[in-house]
Amino acid sequence: MAAPAAPERIAAVVRGELLDGVHPVGTRFREEDLAERFDVGRHTVRSALRLLADRGLLHHERHRGAVVAPLSRARIDEIFDYRKVLELGALRMALARGADLTPVRTEVERLEALAERTPRPSWRKLTEVHGAIHRAIVAAAGNEHVLDSYHRCQDEIRLLLAFVRPDFDATTMAAIHRRLLVKLSLGGTAATDALTEDIDHTGRAALLTALRRAEESAHRLGR
């Protein structure tokens, strides 16, 4: 297998750092700094930053370049409304066709094993396994177009979840998703209501709490 091209290699490194929460909101990526760090030309860096922006991990601002976009109510609602449309739609399709949810169970068990083995795994690893659970729900619909749409927003979901890192650990997330799996196995409205609860009252609500904390902290500091 051929080695990845320079832009893809740089994008992969920076992506990992973003998903680990290394770069806080407002961080601006200067092309000259990245060019020096990776020993490449600015054109290569520009291509890498464009790849990250296409995945929703960076936002390009006129005259400022690529930045880690701030958390906002509008951004949270946009991505979680999109997520709810895809996941709930996929779950209804899966239930209607009597799809096997064993892959979802497998991913929940992987999360539980991770929690038992390493109570504080890297945030990147934790969100990777969490994302695999929800991707398995979408995949159960058996519709490649829906799955492809979900795949395109997964990195942005994982980036947003970096804001709730202080509120969740592997054990908590494993317990939440075990309860979700039980309800999914019941089918019908029990399944769809449980997934709605997970998206809106666990994920979205936690992010809105994190946003309020950030706003209150900024207010106290007079920003």
N, C-alpha and C. Protein backbone atom coordinates (compact mmCIF):
# COMPACT_ATOMS: atom_id res chain seq x y z
N MET A 1 0.85 -1.20 0.00
CA MET A 1 0.00 0.00 0.00
C MET A 1 0.89 1.25 0.00
N ALA A 2 0.56 2.20 -0.88
CA ALA A 2 1.36 3.41 -1.00
C ALA A 2 1.20 4.28 0.25
N ALA A 3 2.28 4.98 0.59
CA ALA A 3 2.22 5.89 1.74
C ALA A 3 1.28 7.05 1.41
N PRO A 4 0.57 7.59 2.42
CA PRO A 4 -0.34 8.71 2.15
C PRO A 4 0.43 9.93 1.68
N ALA A 5 -0.21 10.71 0.81
CA ALA A 5 0.40 11.94 0.33
C ALA A 5 0.58 12.90 1.50
N ALA A 6 1.46 13.88 1.33
CA ALA A 6 1.79 14.80 2.41
C ALA A 6 0.56 15.51 3.00
N PRO A 7 -0.37 16.04 2.18
CA PRO A 7 -1.54 16.70 2.79
C PRO A 7 -2.36 15.77 3.66
N GLU A 8 -2.56 14.52 3.19
CA GLU A 8 -3.33 13.55 3.98
C GLU A 8 -2.60 13.18 5.27
N ARG A 9 -1.28 13.09 5.20
CA ARG A 9 -0.48 12.75 6.39
C ARG A 9 -0.59 13.87 7.43
N ILE A 10 -0.46 15.10 6.99
CA ILE A 10 -0.55 16.24 7.91
C ILE A 10 -1.96 16.34 8.48
N ALA A 11 -2.96 16.17 7.62
CA ALA A 11 -4.35 16.24 8.08
C ALA A 11 -4.63 15.17 9.12
N ALA A 12 -4.07 13.98 8.95
CA ALA A 12 -4.30 12.89 9.90
C ALA A 12 -3.71 13.23 11.27
N VAL A 13 -2.53 13.82 11.29
CA VAL A 13 -1.90 14.20 12.57
C VAL A 13 -2.71 15.27 13.28
N VAL A 14 -3.08 16.32 12.55
CA VAL A 14 -3.83 17.42 13.15
C VAL A 14 -5.23 16.96 13.56
N ARG A 15 -5.84 16.09 12.75
CA ARG A 15 -7.15 15.53 13.10
C ARG A 15 -7.09 14.83 14.45
N GLY A 16 -6.07 13.99 14.64
CA GLY A 16 -5.92 13.29 15.90
C GLY A 16 -5.80 14.25 17.07
N GLU A 17 -5.06 15.31 16.89
CA GLU A 17 -4.89 16.31 17.95
C GLU A 17 -6.21 17.02 18.25
N LEU A 18 -6.96 17.33 17.21
CA LEU A 18 -8.25 17.99 17.40
C LEU A 18 -9.22 17.09 18.17
N LEU A 19 -9.26 15.81 17.81
CA LEU A 19 -10.19 14.89 18.46
C LEU A 19 -9.75 14.56 19.89
N ASP A 20 -8.50 14.82 20.20
CA ASP A 20 -8.02 14.67 21.58
C ASP A 20 -8.20 15.94 22.40
N GLY A 21 -8.72 17.00 21.75
CA GLY A 21 -8.94 18.25 22.47
C GLY A 21 -7.67 19.05 22.71
N VAL A 22 -6.62 18.79 21.92
CA VAL A 22 -5.33 19.48 22.11
C VAL A 22 -5.44 20.96 21.75
N HIS A 23 -6.22 21.27 20.72
CA HIS A 23 -6.31 22.65 20.24
C HIS A 23 -7.64 23.26 20.68
N PRO A 24 -7.64 24.24 21.58
CA PRO A 24 -8.89 24.82 22.08
C PRO A 24 -9.59 25.67 21.04
N VAL A 25 -10.83 25.99 21.36
CA VAL A 25 -11.63 26.88 20.52
C VAL A 25 -10.87 28.17 20.25
N GLY A 26 -10.94 28.62 19.00
CA GLY A 26 -10.28 29.87 18.64
C GLY A 26 -8.86 29.69 18.15
N THR A 27 -8.30 28.48 18.29
CA THR A 27 -6.94 28.24 17.80
C THR A 27 -6.88 28.50 16.31
N ARG A 28 -5.93 29.32 15.90
CA ARG A 28 -5.74 29.60 14.48
C ARG A 28 -4.52 28.85 13.98
N PHE A 29 -4.67 28.15 12.89
CA PHE A 29 -3.57 27.38 12.31
C PHE A 29 -2.87 28.23 11.26
N ARG A 30 -1.67 28.65 11.58
CA ARG A 30 -0.88 29.48 10.66
C ARG A 30 -0.13 28.57 9.69
N GLU A 31 -0.29 28.85 8.42
CA GLU A 31 0.32 28.01 7.40
C GLU A 31 1.84 27.92 7.57
N GLU A 32 2.47 29.07 7.90
CA GLU A 32 3.92 29.06 8.01
C GLU A 32 4.40 28.20 9.19
N ASP A 33 3.61 28.20 10.29
CA ASP A 33 3.99 27.39 11.45
C ASP A 33 3.89 25.90 11.12
N LEU A 34 2.79 25.52 10.46
CA LEU A 34 2.63 24.11 10.10
C LEU A 34 3.64 23.68 9.05
N ALA A 35 3.96 24.57 8.13
CA ALA A 35 4.95 24.25 7.10
C ALA A 35 6.31 23.96 7.74
N GLU A 36 6.65 24.77 8.75
CA GLU A 36 7.92 24.53 9.45
C GLU A 36 7.86 23.25 10.28
N ARG A 37 6.74 23.03 10.95
CA ARG A 37 6.60 21.83 11.80
C ARG A 37 6.73 20.55 10.99
N PHE A 38 6.08 20.51 9.81
CA PHE A 38 6.07 19.27 9.02
C PHE A 38 7.10 19.27 7.89
N ASP A 39 7.85 20.38 7.79
CA ASP A 39 8.90 20.49 6.77
C ASP A 39 8.33 20.29 5.37
N VAL A 40 7.29 21.05 5.07
CA VAL A 40 6.66 21.00 3.75
C VAL A 40 6.39 22.44 3.30
N GLY A 41 5.93 22.57 2.06
CA GLY A 41 5.58 23.88 1.55
C GLY A 41 4.20 24.33 2.01
N ARG A 42 3.94 25.63 1.91
CA ARG A 42 2.65 26.16 2.36
C ARG A 42 1.50 25.66 1.52
N HIS A 43 1.75 25.36 0.25
CA HIS A 43 0.68 24.82 -0.61
C HIS A 43 0.21 23.47 -0.06
N THR A 44 1.16 22.65 0.41
CA THR A 44 0.82 21.34 0.99
C THR A 44 0.00 21.53 2.26
N VAL A 45 0.41 22.48 3.10
CA VAL A 45 -0.33 22.78 4.33
C VAL A 45 -1.73 23.24 4.01
N ARG A 46 -1.84 24.11 3.01
CA ARG A 46 -3.16 24.64 2.63
C ARG A 46 -4.09 23.50 2.21
N SER A 47 -3.56 22.54 1.48
CA SER A 47 -4.37 21.38 1.07
C SER A 47 -4.80 20.56 2.28
N ALA A 48 -3.91 20.40 3.26
CA ALA A 48 -4.25 19.64 4.46
C ALA A 48 -5.34 20.35 5.26
N LEU A 49 -5.24 21.65 5.40
CA LEU A 49 -6.24 22.40 6.14
C LEU A 49 -7.60 22.35 5.43
N ARG A 50 -7.54 22.32 4.10
CA ARG A 50 -8.80 22.23 3.34
C ARG A 50 -9.47 20.87 3.60
N LEU A 51 -8.69 19.81 3.71
CA LEU A 51 -9.24 18.49 4.02
C LEU A 51 -9.93 18.50 5.39
N LEU A 52 -9.31 19.15 6.36
CA LEU A 52 -9.89 19.21 7.71
C LEU A 52 -11.15 20.07 7.73
N ALA A 53 -11.15 21.14 6.96
CA ALA A 53 -12.35 21.98 6.88
C ALA A 53 -13.50 21.22 6.23
N ASP A 54 -13.19 20.42 5.21
CA ASP A 54 -14.22 19.63 4.53
C ASP A 54 -14.87 18.62 5.48
N ARG A 55 -14.14 18.20 6.51
CA ARG A 55 -14.68 17.23 7.48
C ARG A 55 -15.32 17.92 8.68
N GLY A 56 -15.43 19.24 8.63
CA GLY A 56 -16.09 19.97 9.70
C GLY A 56 -15.24 20.19 10.93
N LEU A 57 -13.93 19.92 10.84
CA LEU A 57 -13.06 20.05 12.00
C LEU A 57 -12.49 21.45 12.14
N LEU A 58 -12.37 22.16 11.06
CA LEU A 58 -11.88 23.54 11.08
C LEU A 58 -12.84 24.41 10.29
N HIS A 59 -12.79 25.69 10.60
CA HIS A 59 -13.62 26.66 9.89
C HIS A 59 -12.70 27.69 9.26
N HIS A 60 -12.93 27.99 7.98
CA HIS A 60 -12.08 28.97 7.31
C HIS A 60 -12.71 30.35 7.42
N GLU A 61 -11.96 31.28 8.02
CA GLU A 61 -12.44 32.65 8.18
C GLU A 61 -11.64 33.57 7.27
N ARG A 62 -12.35 34.45 6.64
CA ARG A 62 -11.71 35.40 5.72
C ARG A 62 -10.66 36.23 6.46
N HIS A 63 -9.46 36.28 5.91
CA HIS A 63 -8.33 37.04 6.46
C HIS A 63 -7.76 36.44 7.75
N ARG A 64 -8.34 35.34 8.25
CA ARG A 64 -7.81 34.71 9.47
C ARG A 64 -7.32 33.31 9.21
N GLY A 65 -7.76 32.71 8.14
CA GLY A 65 -7.34 31.36 7.84
C GLY A 65 -8.18 30.32 8.56
N ALA A 66 -7.58 29.17 8.83
CA ALA A 66 -8.30 28.04 9.43
C ALA A 66 -8.26 28.14 10.95
N VAL A 67 -9.42 28.07 11.57
CA VAL A 67 -9.52 28.16 13.03
C VAL A 67 -10.41 27.04 13.56
N VAL A 68 -10.24 26.72 14.86
CA VAL A 68 -11.17 25.82 15.53
C VAL A 68 -12.39 26.65 15.89
N ALA A 69 -13.51 26.34 15.25
CA ALA A 69 -14.71 27.15 15.40
C ALA A 69 -15.24 27.10 16.83
N PRO A 70 -15.79 28.21 17.33
CA PRO A 70 -16.33 28.23 18.69
C PRO A 70 -17.61 27.41 18.80
N LEU A 71 -17.88 26.99 20.03
CA LEU A 71 -19.13 26.30 20.31
C LEU A 71 -20.25 27.33 20.35
N SER A 72 -21.39 27.01 19.76
CA SER A 72 -22.54 27.91 19.77
C SER A 72 -23.82 27.10 19.77
N ARG A 73 -24.90 27.70 20.23
CA ARG A 73 -26.19 27.00 20.23
C ARG A 73 -26.58 26.61 18.81
N ALA A 74 -26.37 27.52 17.88
CA ALA A 74 -26.75 27.25 16.49
C ALA A 74 -25.97 26.05 15.94
N ARG A 75 -24.68 25.99 16.25
CA ARG A 75 -23.85 24.89 15.73
C ARG A 75 -24.27 23.57 16.37
N ILE A 76 -24.51 23.57 17.67
CA ILE A 76 -24.94 22.35 18.36
C ILE A 76 -26.26 21.86 17.76
N ASP A 77 -27.22 22.77 17.62
CA ASP A 77 -28.53 22.37 17.10
C ASP A 77 -28.43 21.87 15.67
N GLU A 78 -27.61 22.53 14.86
CA GLU A 78 -27.50 22.13 13.45
C GLU A 78 -26.98 20.70 13.32
N ILE A 79 -25.88 20.39 14.04
CA ILE A 79 -25.30 19.06 13.89
C ILE A 79 -26.14 18.00 14.57
N PHE A 80 -26.77 18.33 15.72
CA PHE A 80 -27.57 17.31 16.40
C PHE A 80 -28.93 17.10 15.72
N ASP A 81 -29.49 18.12 15.11
CA ASP A 81 -30.70 17.92 14.32
C ASP A 81 -30.40 17.03 13.11
N TYR A 82 -29.27 17.29 12.47
CA TYR A 82 -28.86 16.47 11.33
C TYR A 82 -28.63 15.03 11.76
N ARG A 83 -27.94 14.89 12.90
CA ARG A 83 -27.67 13.56 13.44
C ARG A 83 -28.97 12.82 13.76
N LYS A 84 -29.94 13.53 14.33
CA LYS A 84 -31.20 12.89 14.72
C LYS A 84 -31.97 12.42 13.48
N VAL A 85 -31.98 13.25 12.45
CA VAL A 85 -32.66 12.86 11.21
C VAL A 85 -32.04 11.57 10.67
N LEU A 86 -30.72 11.51 10.61
CA LEU A 86 -30.05 10.34 10.05
C LEU A 86 -30.21 9.10 10.93
N GLU A 87 -29.93 9.25 12.23
CA GLU A 87 -29.95 8.07 13.11
C GLU A 87 -31.36 7.53 13.32
N LEU A 88 -32.31 8.42 13.58
CA LEU A 88 -33.68 7.94 13.79
C LEU A 88 -34.27 7.37 12.51
N GLY A 89 -33.99 8.05 11.40
CA GLY A 89 -34.47 7.52 10.13
C GLY A 89 -33.89 6.14 9.84
N ALA A 90 -32.59 6.00 10.09
CA ALA A 90 -31.94 4.71 9.87
C ALA A 90 -32.48 3.63 10.80
N LEU A 91 -32.72 4.01 12.08
CA LEU A 91 -33.24 3.03 13.03
C LEU A 91 -34.63 2.56 12.61
N ARG A 92 -35.48 3.47 12.17
CA ARG A 92 -36.83 3.08 11.72
C ARG A 92 -36.75 2.14 10.53
N MET A 93 -35.83 2.42 9.60
CA MET A 93 -35.64 1.55 8.45
C MET A 93 -35.16 0.17 8.91
N ALA A 94 -34.23 0.15 9.86
CA ALA A 94 -33.69 -1.11 10.36
C ALA A 94 -34.77 -1.94 11.05
N LEU A 95 -35.58 -1.27 11.87
CA LEU A 95 -36.65 -2.00 12.58
C LEU A 95 -37.69 -2.53 11.60
N ALA A 96 -38.00 -1.74 10.57
CA ALA A 96 -39.00 -2.16 9.59
C ALA A 96 -38.56 -3.38 8.81
N ARG A 97 -37.26 -3.50 8.58
CA ARG A 97 -36.75 -4.65 7.81
C ARG A 97 -36.31 -5.79 8.72
N GLY A 98 -36.54 -5.62 10.03
CA GLY A 98 -36.14 -6.68 10.96
C GLY A 98 -34.65 -6.93 10.99
N ALA A 99 -33.89 -5.85 10.88
CA ALA A 99 -32.44 -5.98 10.80
C ALA A 99 -31.85 -6.55 12.09
N ASP A 100 -30.75 -7.24 11.92
CA ASP A 100 -30.02 -7.82 13.06
C ASP A 100 -29.20 -6.70 13.71
N LEU A 101 -29.43 -6.47 15.01
CA LEU A 101 -28.71 -5.42 15.73
C LEU A 101 -27.49 -5.97 16.48
N THR A 102 -27.06 -7.17 16.12
CA THR A 102 -25.88 -7.75 16.76
C THR A 102 -24.64 -6.86 16.63
N PRO A 103 -24.42 -6.19 15.48
CA PRO A 103 -23.25 -5.31 15.39
C PRO A 103 -23.29 -4.17 16.41
N VAL A 104 -24.50 -3.69 16.74
CA VAL A 104 -24.61 -2.64 17.76
C VAL A 104 -24.21 -3.22 19.11
N ARG A 105 -24.70 -4.41 19.41
CA ARG A 105 -24.34 -5.08 20.67
C ARG A 105 -22.82 -5.28 20.76
N THR A 106 -22.22 -5.69 19.65
CA THR A 106 -20.77 -5.92 19.63
C THR A 106 -20.00 -4.65 20.00
N GLU A 107 -20.44 -3.51 19.46
CA GLU A 107 -19.75 -2.25 19.74
C GLU A 107 -19.99 -1.79 21.18
N VAL A 108 -21.19 -2.02 21.71
CA VAL A 108 -21.45 -1.69 23.12
C VAL A 108 -20.55 -2.53 24.02
N GLU A 109 -20.41 -3.81 23.69
CA GLU A 109 -19.54 -4.68 24.48
C GLU A 109 -18.08 -4.25 24.38
N ARG A 110 -17.71 -3.71 23.22
CA ARG A 110 -16.34 -3.20 23.06
C ARG A 110 -16.13 -1.98 23.96
N LEU A 111 -17.15 -1.14 24.08
CA LEU A 111 -17.06 0.02 24.97
C LEU A 111 -16.97 -0.43 26.42
N GLU A 112 -17.76 -1.43 26.78
CA GLU A 112 -17.72 -1.95 28.15
C GLU A 112 -16.36 -2.56 28.47
N ALA A 113 -15.79 -3.27 27.51
CA ALA A 113 -14.46 -3.87 27.72
C ALA A 113 -13.40 -2.79 27.87
N LEU A 114 -13.53 -1.73 27.09
CA LEU A 114 -12.60 -0.60 27.19
C LEU A 114 -12.69 0.03 28.57
N ALA A 115 -13.92 0.20 29.09
CA ALA A 115 -14.12 0.81 30.41
C ALA A 115 -13.52 -0.06 31.50
N GLU A 116 -13.66 -1.37 31.38
CA GLU A 116 -13.12 -2.28 32.39
C GLU A 116 -11.59 -2.31 32.35
N ARG A 117 -11.06 -2.23 31.15
CA ARG A 117 -9.61 -2.35 30.97
C ARG A 117 -8.89 -1.03 31.31
N THR A 118 -9.50 0.08 30.88
CA THR A 118 -8.87 1.39 31.05
C THR A 118 -9.93 2.43 31.40
N PRO A 119 -10.17 2.68 32.69
CA PRO A 119 -11.21 3.63 33.09
C PRO A 119 -11.04 5.02 32.47
N ARG A 120 -9.79 5.40 32.19
CA ARG A 120 -9.54 6.71 31.58
C ARG A 120 -8.76 6.55 30.28
N PRO A 121 -9.38 5.97 29.26
CA PRO A 121 -8.69 5.85 27.97
C PRO A 121 -8.55 7.23 27.33
N SER A 122 -7.78 7.31 26.28
CA SER A 122 -7.67 8.58 25.57
C SER A 122 -9.05 8.98 25.07
N TRP A 123 -9.31 10.28 25.06
CA TRP A 123 -10.62 10.76 24.61
C TRP A 123 -10.86 10.38 23.17
N ARG A 124 -9.80 10.37 22.38
CA ARG A 124 -9.93 9.99 20.97
C ARG A 124 -10.41 8.54 20.84
N LYS A 125 -9.85 7.65 21.66
CA LYS A 125 -10.25 6.25 21.61
C LYS A 125 -11.69 6.08 22.08
N LEU A 126 -12.05 6.80 23.14
CA LEU A 126 -13.40 6.69 23.68
C LEU A 126 -14.43 7.16 22.67
N THR A 127 -14.19 8.28 22.02
CA THR A 127 -15.16 8.77 21.04
C THR A 127 -15.16 7.93 19.77
N GLU A 128 -14.04 7.26 19.50
CA GLU A 128 -14.01 6.34 18.35
C GLU A 128 -14.97 5.17 18.58
N VAL A 129 -14.91 4.58 19.78
CA VAL A 129 -15.78 3.44 20.08
C VAL A 129 -17.23 3.91 20.21
N HIS A 130 -17.44 5.05 20.83
CA HIS A 130 -18.79 5.61 20.92
C HIS A 130 -19.37 5.82 19.52
N GLY A 131 -18.56 6.40 18.63
CA GLY A 131 -19.03 6.62 17.27
C GLY A 131 -19.35 5.34 16.54
N ALA A 132 -18.59 4.27 16.85
CA ALA A 132 -18.83 2.98 16.19
C ALA A 132 -20.19 2.41 16.57
N ILE A 133 -20.64 2.67 17.80
CA ILE A 133 -21.97 2.21 18.23
C ILE A 133 -23.04 2.87 17.37
N HIS A 134 -22.96 4.18 17.24
CA HIS A 134 -23.99 4.90 16.48
C HIS A 134 -23.88 4.65 14.98
N ARG A 135 -22.67 4.42 14.50
CA ARG A 135 -22.52 4.06 13.09
C ARG A 135 -23.14 2.70 12.82
N ALA A 136 -23.04 1.78 13.77
CA ALA A 136 -23.65 0.46 13.61
C ALA A 136 -25.18 0.56 13.56
N ILE A 137 -25.74 1.49 14.33
CA ILE A 137 -27.19 1.71 14.26
C ILE A 137 -27.59 2.18 12.87
N VAL A 138 -26.83 3.13 12.35
CA VAL A 138 -27.12 3.66 11.00
C VAL A 138 -26.91 2.57 9.95
N ALA A 139 -25.85 1.79 10.09
CA ALA A 139 -25.55 0.74 9.11
C ALA A 139 -26.64 -0.33 9.06
N ALA A 140 -27.34 -0.52 10.18
CA ALA A 140 -28.39 -1.54 10.24
C ALA A 140 -29.53 -1.25 9.27
N ALA A 141 -29.65 -0.01 8.82
CA ALA A 141 -30.69 0.34 7.85
C ALA A 141 -30.44 -0.32 6.50
N GLY A 142 -29.18 -0.66 6.23
CA GLY A 142 -28.85 -1.29 4.96
C GLY A 142 -28.89 -0.34 3.78
N ASN A 143 -28.70 0.95 4.05
CA ASN A 143 -28.77 1.97 2.99
C ASN A 143 -27.43 2.69 2.93
N GLU A 144 -26.67 2.46 1.88
CA GLU A 144 -25.33 3.02 1.77
C GLU A 144 -25.34 4.54 1.69
N HIS A 145 -26.37 5.13 1.10
CA HIS A 145 -26.44 6.59 1.00
C HIS A 145 -26.59 7.22 2.37
N VAL A 146 -27.44 6.63 3.21
CA VAL A 146 -27.62 7.14 4.57
C VAL A 146 -26.33 6.98 5.36
N LEU A 147 -25.69 5.83 5.23
CA LEU A 147 -24.45 5.57 5.96
C LEU A 147 -23.35 6.54 5.51
N ASP A 148 -23.29 6.82 4.22
CA ASP A 148 -22.28 7.75 3.71
C ASP A 148 -22.52 9.16 4.26
N SER A 149 -23.77 9.57 4.34
CA SER A 149 -24.10 10.88 4.90
C SER A 149 -23.68 10.96 6.36
N TYR A 150 -23.90 9.87 7.09
CA TYR A 150 -23.53 9.86 8.50
C TYR A 150 -22.01 9.90 8.66
N HIS A 151 -21.32 9.17 7.82
CA HIS A 151 -19.86 9.13 7.88
C HIS A 151 -19.28 10.53 7.73
N ARG A 152 -19.89 11.36 6.87
CA ARG A 152 -19.35 12.69 6.61
C ARG A 152 -19.47 13.62 7.81
N CYS A 153 -20.38 13.35 8.74
CA CYS A 153 -20.53 14.24 9.88
C CYS A 153 -19.92 13.67 11.16
N GLN A 154 -19.36 12.47 11.10
CA GLN A 154 -18.88 11.82 12.32
C GLN A 154 -17.73 12.57 12.99
N ASP A 155 -16.79 13.07 12.21
CA ASP A 155 -15.67 13.77 12.82
C ASP A 155 -16.14 15.04 13.53
N GLU A 156 -17.10 15.74 12.93
CA GLU A 156 -17.59 16.97 13.58
C GLU A 156 -18.31 16.63 14.88
N ILE A 157 -19.07 15.53 14.89
CA ILE A 157 -19.72 15.09 16.14
C ILE A 157 -18.66 14.81 17.20
N ARG A 158 -17.60 14.11 16.82
CA ARG A 158 -16.55 13.77 17.77
C ARG A 158 -15.84 15.03 18.27
N LEU A 159 -15.65 16.00 17.40
CA LEU A 159 -15.02 17.25 17.82
C LEU A 159 -15.89 17.98 18.84
N LEU A 160 -17.20 18.03 18.58
CA LEU A 160 -18.11 18.68 19.52
C LEU A 160 -18.07 17.98 20.88
N LEU A 161 -17.97 16.66 20.86
CA LEU A 161 -17.98 15.91 22.12
C LEU A 161 -16.74 16.20 22.97
N ALA A 162 -15.69 16.76 22.37
CA ALA A 162 -14.52 17.13 23.17
C ALA A 162 -14.88 18.16 24.23
N PHE A 163 -15.95 18.92 23.99
CA PHE A 163 -16.37 19.95 24.95
C PHE A 163 -16.99 19.34 26.21
N VAL A 164 -17.45 18.09 26.14
CA VAL A 164 -18.09 17.47 27.32
C VAL A 164 -17.14 16.46 27.98
N ARG A 165 -15.90 16.52 27.60
CA ARG A 165 -14.91 15.60 28.17
C ARG A 165 -14.91 15.58 29.70
N PRO A 166 -15.05 16.73 30.39
CA PRO A 166 -15.03 16.68 31.87
C PRO A 166 -16.23 15.94 32.47
N ASP A 167 -17.30 15.75 31.70
CA ASP A 167 -18.54 15.21 32.24
C ASP A 167 -18.72 13.71 32.03
N PHE A 168 -17.88 13.09 31.23
CA PHE A 168 -18.06 11.68 30.89
C PHE A 168 -16.73 10.93 31.01
N ASP A 169 -16.84 9.69 31.45
CA ASP A 169 -15.70 8.78 31.37
C ASP A 169 -16.19 7.50 30.71
N ALA A 170 -15.30 6.54 30.53
CA ALA A 170 -15.65 5.31 29.81
C ALA A 170 -16.74 4.53 30.54
N THR A 171 -16.67 4.48 31.87
CA THR A 171 -17.66 3.72 32.64
C THR A 171 -19.06 4.32 32.47
N THR A 172 -19.15 5.64 32.57
CA THR A 172 -20.44 6.32 32.40
C THR A 172 -21.01 6.09 31.01
N MET A 173 -20.16 6.23 30.00
CA MET A 173 -20.63 6.07 28.63
C MET A 173 -21.04 4.63 28.35
N ALA A 174 -20.33 3.68 28.95
CA ALA A 174 -20.70 2.27 28.76
C ALA A 174 -22.07 1.98 29.37
N ALA A 175 -22.33 2.52 30.55
CA ALA A 175 -23.63 2.30 31.21
C ALA A 175 -24.77 2.93 30.40
N ILE A 176 -24.55 4.14 29.88
CA ILE A 176 -25.56 4.82 29.07
C ILE A 176 -25.91 3.98 27.84
N HIS A 177 -24.90 3.44 27.19
CA HIS A 177 -25.14 2.72 25.94
C HIS A 177 -25.62 1.29 26.17
N ARG A 178 -25.36 0.72 27.33
CA ARG A 178 -25.97 -0.56 27.66
C ARG A 178 -27.48 -0.38 27.81
N ARG A 179 -27.89 0.71 28.48
CA ARG A 179 -29.33 0.98 28.64
C ARG A 179 -29.97 1.25 27.28
N LEU A 180 -29.26 1.96 26.42
CA LEU A 180 -29.77 2.21 25.07
C LEU A 180 -29.95 0.90 24.31
N LEU A 181 -28.98 0.02 24.40
CA LEU A 181 -29.05 -1.27 23.70
C LEU A 181 -30.26 -2.08 24.14
N VAL A 182 -30.53 -2.09 25.44
CA VAL A 182 -31.69 -2.83 25.96
C VAL A 182 -32.97 -2.31 25.31
N LYS A 183 -33.11 -1.00 25.22
CA LYS A 183 -34.32 -0.42 24.62
C LYS A 183 -34.37 -0.65 23.11
N LEU A 184 -33.23 -0.59 22.45
CA LEU A 184 -33.21 -0.87 21.01
C LEU A 184 -33.69 -2.29 20.74
N SER A 185 -33.32 -3.21 21.61
CA SER A 185 -33.69 -4.61 21.43
C SER A 185 -35.20 -4.83 21.55
N LEU A 186 -35.90 -3.89 22.22
CA LEU A 186 -37.35 -4.01 22.37
C LEU A 186 -38.08 -3.62 21.09
N GLY A 187 -37.41 -2.81 20.26
CA GLY A 187 -38.03 -2.36 19.02
C GLY A 187 -39.12 -1.34 19.24
N GLY A 188 -39.79 -0.95 18.15
CA GLY A 188 -40.93 -0.03 18.22
C GLY A 188 -40.59 1.32 18.82
N THR A 189 -41.60 1.92 19.47
CA THR A 189 -41.40 3.25 20.04
C THR A 189 -40.41 3.24 21.19
N ALA A 190 -40.27 2.10 21.88
CA ALA A 190 -39.27 2.02 22.96
C ALA A 190 -37.88 2.28 22.40
N ALA A 191 -37.60 1.75 21.22
CA ALA A 191 -36.29 1.92 20.59
C ALA A 191 -36.09 3.35 20.10
N THR A 192 -37.08 3.88 19.38
CA THR A 192 -36.91 5.23 18.84
C THR A 192 -36.90 6.28 19.94
N ASP A 193 -37.72 6.08 20.98
CA ASP A 193 -37.72 7.03 22.10
C ASP A 193 -36.37 7.02 22.82
N ALA A 194 -35.79 5.83 22.97
CA ALA A 194 -34.50 5.72 23.66
C ALA A 194 -33.39 6.40 22.87
N LEU A 195 -33.41 6.25 21.55
CA LEU A 195 -32.39 6.89 20.73
C LEU A 195 -32.56 8.41 20.75
N THR A 196 -33.82 8.86 20.71
CA THR A 196 -34.09 10.30 20.81
C THR A 196 -33.56 10.85 22.14
N GLU A 197 -33.82 10.10 23.21
CA GLU A 197 -33.33 10.50 24.54
C GLU A 197 -31.81 10.61 24.55
N ASP A 198 -31.15 9.65 23.94
CA ASP A 198 -29.69 9.64 23.92
C ASP A 198 -29.14 10.84 23.16
N ILE A 199 -29.73 11.13 22.01
CA ILE A 199 -29.24 12.23 21.19
C ILE A 199 -29.54 13.58 21.83
N ASP A 200 -30.80 13.76 22.28
CA ASP A 200 -31.22 15.07 22.76
C ASP A 200 -30.88 15.33 24.23
N HIS A 201 -31.15 14.36 25.08
CA HIS A 201 -31.05 14.62 26.51
C HIS A 201 -29.75 14.13 27.12
N THR A 202 -28.94 13.46 26.34
CA THR A 202 -27.59 13.12 26.80
C THR A 202 -26.58 13.96 26.03
N GLY A 203 -26.51 13.76 24.72
CA GLY A 203 -25.52 14.48 23.92
C GLY A 203 -25.77 15.97 23.81
N ARG A 204 -26.92 16.35 23.27
CA ARG A 204 -27.20 17.78 23.05
C ARG A 204 -27.23 18.54 24.38
N ALA A 205 -27.91 17.98 25.38
CA ALA A 205 -28.04 18.67 26.67
C ALA A 205 -26.68 18.86 27.33
N ALA A 206 -25.81 17.86 27.22
CA ALA A 206 -24.48 17.98 27.81
C ALA A 206 -23.68 19.09 27.13
N LEU A 207 -23.81 19.20 25.83
CA LEU A 207 -23.10 20.25 25.11
C LEU A 207 -23.64 21.64 25.46
N LEU A 208 -24.94 21.75 25.62
CA LEU A 208 -25.51 23.05 26.00
C LEU A 208 -25.06 23.44 27.41
N THR A 209 -24.93 22.46 28.29
CA THR A 209 -24.40 22.74 29.63
C THR A 209 -22.95 23.22 29.54
N ALA A 210 -22.16 22.55 28.69
CA ALA A 210 -20.76 22.96 28.50
C ALA A 210 -20.69 24.37 27.92
N LEU A 211 -21.59 24.70 27.01
CA LEU A 211 -21.62 26.04 26.43
C LEU A 211 -21.93 27.08 27.50
N ARG A 212 -22.91 26.80 28.37
CA ARG A 212 -23.24 27.74 29.44
C ARG A 212 -22.04 27.94 30.38
N ARG A 213 -21.35 26.85 30.69
CA ARG A 213 -20.16 26.96 31.55
C ARG A 213 -19.12 27.87 30.92
N ALA A 214 -18.88 27.67 29.62
CA ALA A 214 -17.88 28.48 28.92
C ALA A 214 -18.29 29.95 28.90
N GLU A 215 -19.57 30.21 28.67
CA GLU A 215 -20.05 31.60 28.62
C GLU A 215 -19.95 32.25 29.99
N GLU A 216 -20.30 31.50 31.04
CA GLU A 216 -20.21 32.06 32.40
C GLU A 216 -18.75 32.33 32.78
N SER A 217 -17.87 31.43 32.39
CA SER A 217 -16.45 31.62 32.68
C SER A 217 -15.90 32.85 31.96
N ALA A 218 -16.31 33.01 30.69
CA ALA A 218 -15.86 34.17 29.92
C ALA A 218 -16.41 35.46 30.53
N HIS A 219 -17.64 35.40 31.00
CA HIS A 219 -18.26 36.58 31.63
C HIS A 219 -17.51 36.98 32.91
N ARG A 220 -17.14 35.98 33.72
CA ARG A 220 -16.41 36.26 34.95
C ARG A 220 -15.05 36.87 34.66
N LEU A 221 -14.45 36.44 33.55
CA LEU A 221 -13.13 36.96 33.19
C LEU A 221 -13.23 38.28 32.42
N GLY A 222 -14.48 38.71 32.18
CA GLY A 222 -14.69 39.98 31.49
C GLY A 222 -14.37 39.96 30.02
N ARG A 223 -14.51 38.77 29.41
CA ARG A 223 -14.23 38.67 27.97
C ARG A 223 -15.47 39.00 27.15
